Protein backbone atom coordinates (compact mmCIF):
# COMPACT_ATOMS: atom_id res chain seq x y z
CA MET A 1 88.26 -58.69 -14.87
CA SER A 2 90.17 -56.10 -12.84
CA VAL A 3 93.91 -55.99 -12.18
CA THR A 4 93.28 -57.05 -8.58
CA ASP A 5 91.34 -60.12 -9.72
CA LEU A 6 94.15 -61.09 -12.10
CA GLN A 7 96.70 -60.77 -9.30
CA LYS A 8 94.59 -62.97 -7.01
CA LEU A 9 94.22 -65.57 -9.78
CA SER A 10 97.97 -65.53 -10.39
CA ARG A 11 98.74 -66.05 -6.69
CA SER A 12 96.22 -68.89 -6.36
CA SER A 13 97.53 -70.71 -9.43
CA THR A 14 101.09 -70.39 -8.12
CA THR A 15 100.20 -71.94 -4.77
CA LEU A 16 98.49 -74.88 -6.50
CA GLU A 17 101.58 -75.81 -8.49
CA LYS A 18 103.54 -78.67 -6.93
CA PRO A 19 107.33 -78.39 -6.98
CA LEU A 20 109.21 -81.00 -8.97
CA THR A 21 111.16 -83.63 -7.07
CA GLU A 22 113.78 -86.18 -8.04
CA ARG A 23 111.43 -89.06 -7.20
CA TYR A 24 111.12 -91.46 -10.12
CA VAL A 25 108.25 -93.86 -10.76
CA LYS A 26 108.80 -96.43 -13.49
CA PRO A 27 105.66 -96.88 -15.61
CA GLU A 28 104.42 -100.41 -16.18
CA ARG A 29 102.91 -101.34 -19.51
CA ILE A 30 99.63 -103.21 -19.19
CA TRP A 31 97.31 -104.71 -21.80
CA LEU A 32 93.76 -103.44 -21.99
CA LYS A 33 92.09 -106.82 -21.70
CA PRO A 34 90.58 -107.82 -19.34
CA VAL A 35 90.95 -104.74 -17.10
CA LEU A 36 90.03 -101.93 -19.53
CA THR A 37 87.94 -101.75 -22.67
CA GLU A 38 88.06 -100.16 -26.12
CA ARG A 39 85.27 -97.85 -24.97
CA TRP A 40 87.53 -96.56 -22.17
CA VAL A 41 90.24 -95.66 -24.71
CA GLU A 42 87.66 -94.07 -27.01
CA ASP A 43 86.40 -91.95 -24.10
CA ARG A 44 89.92 -90.68 -23.38
CA ILE A 45 90.57 -89.73 -27.02
CA ALA A 46 87.16 -88.11 -27.40
CA ALA A 47 87.77 -85.99 -24.29
CA ASP A 48 91.25 -84.91 -25.46
CA PRO A 49 92.12 -85.69 -29.12
CA ALA A 50 95.50 -83.98 -28.64
CA ILE A 51 96.84 -87.13 -26.91
CA LEU A 52 97.19 -88.70 -30.39
CA ASN A 53 99.91 -86.12 -31.20
CA LEU A 54 98.26 -85.32 -34.54
CA GLY A 55 97.70 -81.65 -33.76
CA ASP A 56 94.94 -79.67 -32.06
CA LEU A 57 92.07 -81.74 -33.42
CA VAL A 58 88.44 -81.53 -32.34
CA LEU A 59 85.86 -84.29 -32.08
CA ARG A 60 83.21 -84.29 -34.79
CA GLU A 61 81.38 -87.51 -33.94
CA ARG A 62 81.68 -90.85 -32.14
CA GLN A 63 80.40 -94.18 -33.44
CA ARG A 64 79.47 -92.54 -36.73
CA PRO A 65 77.10 -94.80 -38.74
CA GLN A 66 78.41 -95.90 -42.13
CA PRO A 67 76.09 -97.03 -44.96
CA ARG A 68 76.06 -100.85 -44.89
CA ALA A 69 79.46 -100.87 -43.14
CA GLY A 70 79.10 -100.58 -39.37
CA ARG A 71 80.24 -97.57 -37.34
CA LEU A 72 83.34 -95.39 -37.44
CA ASP A 73 84.87 -95.17 -33.96
CA LEU A 74 85.93 -91.51 -34.08
CA LEU A 75 85.75 -88.69 -36.61
CA LEU A 76 88.22 -85.90 -35.78
CA GLN A 77 88.89 -82.64 -37.60
CA ASP A 78 91.49 -79.91 -37.71
CA PRO A 79 89.57 -76.66 -36.98
CA ILE A 80 91.96 -74.60 -39.11
CA THR A 81 92.59 -76.71 -42.22
CA LEU A 82 89.27 -78.62 -41.83
CA LYS A 83 91.13 -81.84 -42.61
CA ARG A 84 89.26 -84.88 -41.29
CA TYR A 85 90.68 -87.98 -39.61
CA GLU A 86 88.79 -91.29 -39.68
CA VAL A 87 90.00 -93.15 -36.57
CA GLU A 88 89.54 -96.89 -35.95
CA LEU A 89 90.60 -98.57 -32.67
CA GLN A 90 91.65 -102.17 -32.15
CA ILE A 91 92.21 -103.87 -28.82
CA GLY A 92 95.21 -106.19 -28.97
CA SER A 93 96.96 -106.86 -32.28
CA THR A 94 95.82 -105.43 -35.59
CA ASP A 95 94.53 -107.81 -38.25
CA GLU A 96 93.25 -107.87 -41.83
CA ALA A 97 89.71 -106.91 -40.82
CA HIS A 98 90.94 -103.89 -38.84
CA ILE A 99 93.02 -102.64 -41.76
CA MET A 100 90.28 -103.08 -44.34
CA ARG A 101 87.66 -101.52 -42.04
CA THR A 102 89.84 -98.45 -41.50
CA ILE A 103 90.37 -97.98 -45.23
CA GLU A 104 86.71 -98.65 -46.03
CA TYR A 105 85.46 -96.01 -43.59
CA TRP A 106 88.01 -93.52 -44.91
CA ASP A 107 86.81 -94.17 -48.47
CA ILE A 108 83.14 -93.76 -47.53
CA GLU A 109 83.75 -90.46 -45.74
CA LYS A 110 85.94 -89.19 -48.57
CA ARG A 111 83.21 -89.92 -51.13
CA ARG A 112 80.47 -88.38 -48.99
CA TYR A 113 82.43 -85.21 -48.22
CA PRO A 114 84.92 -84.62 -51.06
CA GLN A 115 85.28 -80.95 -50.12
CA TYR A 116 87.49 -81.97 -47.20
CA GLU A 117 90.91 -83.58 -47.08
CA HIS A 118 90.74 -86.97 -45.36
CA CYS A 119 93.23 -89.24 -43.58
CA ALA A 120 92.72 -92.76 -42.23
CA VAL A 121 94.08 -93.41 -38.73
CA LEU A 122 94.61 -96.99 -37.53
CA ILE A 123 95.25 -97.52 -33.80
CA ALA A 124 96.14 -100.84 -32.17
CA GLU A 125 98.01 -102.07 -29.11
CA ASP A 126 100.29 -104.18 -31.28
CA ILE A 127 101.16 -103.62 -34.94
CA THR A 128 103.35 -106.51 -36.05
CA SER A 129 105.97 -106.19 -38.79
CA ARG A 130 103.85 -108.39 -41.06
CA PHE A 131 100.85 -106.08 -41.01
CA LEU A 132 103.03 -102.99 -40.96
CA ASN A 133 104.44 -104.12 -44.31
CA ILE A 134 100.91 -104.53 -45.67
CA ILE A 135 99.89 -101.08 -44.43
CA THR A 136 103.01 -99.57 -45.98
CA LEU A 137 101.87 -100.87 -49.38
CA PHE A 138 98.92 -98.49 -49.21
CA ASN A 139 100.95 -95.48 -48.09
CA GLY A 140 101.18 -92.96 -50.90
CA ALA A 141 98.00 -94.18 -52.57
CA ILE A 142 95.96 -93.71 -49.38
CA PRO A 143 96.72 -91.11 -46.70
CA LEU A 144 97.20 -93.42 -43.73
CA ILE A 145 98.62 -93.07 -40.23
CA ALA A 146 99.29 -96.05 -37.95
CA LEU A 147 99.56 -95.46 -34.19
CA GLN A 148 100.64 -98.05 -31.63
CA LEU A 149 98.80 -97.65 -28.35
CA GLU A 150 100.43 -98.31 -24.99
CA VAL A 151 98.60 -98.27 -21.68
CA LEU A 152 101.01 -97.34 -18.90
CA ARG A 153 100.31 -97.77 -15.21
CA VAL A 154 101.89 -95.19 -12.92
CA GLY A 155 101.06 -95.88 -9.30
CA GLU A 156 97.31 -96.42 -9.10
CA ALA A 157 96.51 -94.52 -12.30
CA GLN A 158 96.69 -95.38 -16.02
CA THR A 159 97.82 -93.18 -18.86
CA LEU A 160 97.93 -93.59 -22.64
CA TRP A 161 100.90 -93.21 -24.95
CA PHE A 162 100.61 -93.21 -28.74
CA THR A 163 103.62 -93.89 -30.98
CA THR A 164 103.49 -93.15 -34.71
CA VAL A 165 104.80 -96.26 -36.49
CA LEU A 166 103.67 -95.11 -39.95
CA ASN A 167 103.13 -91.49 -40.87
CA GLU A 168 101.12 -90.03 -43.69
CA PHE A 169 103.07 -89.95 -46.95
CA SER A 170 103.52 -86.42 -48.27
CA ARG A 171 104.42 -85.81 -51.88
CA GLY A 172 106.99 -83.18 -52.78
CA LEU A 173 106.78 -80.60 -55.54
CA VAL A 174 109.08 -80.27 -58.52
CA ASP A 175 111.63 -77.55 -57.75
CA ASP A 176 111.83 -74.51 -59.98
CA ASP A 177 115.27 -75.51 -61.23
CA GLU A 178 114.19 -79.06 -62.09
CA VAL A 179 112.71 -80.19 -65.36
CA ALA A 180 109.84 -82.64 -65.01
CA GLU A 181 110.11 -85.47 -67.48
CA ALA A 182 107.12 -86.12 -69.70
CA ALA A 183 105.43 -89.39 -68.77
CA PRO A 184 105.60 -91.99 -71.58
CA THR A 185 102.26 -93.27 -72.76
CA ASP A 186 103.03 -96.57 -74.47
CA ARG A 187 101.35 -99.78 -73.32
CA SER A 188 104.45 -101.37 -71.82
CA ASP A 189 104.99 -98.34 -69.59
CA TRP A 190 101.43 -98.41 -68.25
CA GLU A 191 101.69 -102.14 -67.54
CA GLU A 192 104.92 -101.57 -65.64
CA ARG A 193 103.30 -98.74 -63.64
CA ALA A 194 100.30 -100.92 -62.80
CA SER A 195 102.57 -103.67 -61.48
CA ARG A 196 104.03 -101.21 -58.97
CA ARG A 197 100.69 -100.08 -57.53
CA PRO A 198 100.12 -100.89 -53.84
CA TRP A 199 96.85 -102.73 -54.41
CA HIS A 200 98.49 -104.86 -57.12
CA SER A 201 101.13 -105.96 -54.63
CA LEU A 202 98.46 -106.63 -52.02
CA THR A 203 96.45 -108.73 -54.50
CA ASN A 204 99.49 -110.86 -55.25
CA TYR A 205 100.13 -111.26 -51.53
CA CYS A 206 96.56 -112.46 -50.90
CA ARG A 207 96.78 -114.90 -53.80
CA ARG A 208 99.98 -116.39 -52.38
CA GLN A 209 98.33 -116.73 -48.97
CA ARG A 210 95.31 -118.56 -50.42
CA SER A 211 97.58 -120.80 -52.48
CA SER A 212 99.69 -121.77 -49.47
CA THR A 213 96.53 -122.50 -47.43
CA ARG A 214 95.23 -124.92 -50.06
CA HIS A 215 98.49 -126.88 -50.02
């Protein structure tokens, strides 16, 4: 492309830019049902994964079949680090099935492709404090990100806004001037460690829920 062509392109792009004004339009939050669908949201993310604010990710596959476990909504990947993100969408409020499905698909992909780093991404319109506490139990043991989706109406158009309510837990390294303590190996110590594991806490929670239901 010649210098003249570049100058013409620069002038044309300048004329297309609209000047900013002080006019303010308040966005209105709307719920997807019954106007929009999960497929509509999936289409928007697939076309531009950057709207999730997780980096410059690229789409690997949509509705990816899982062995004996349904289909993964979206598989995204960082083109530089090759880290993969298993994304599951939920219209409305998240629930137990949505959480377990997200973790299950992450586990399947991680086992099938262990050469990559993997992260589970849970997206829902509403993530209540109850389920946020449950998700937090997994954080640290499972790389998990929870995003709350908002559909905003501005004029006659809709836009999407994603808020990170739970970010992936990153472990720090022991500093050079610190001395790492040797881990004790007696039985009582291992039992105490097991009692602090996220899935142990979740198991106790589920048992309490079943017990209260029976009564």
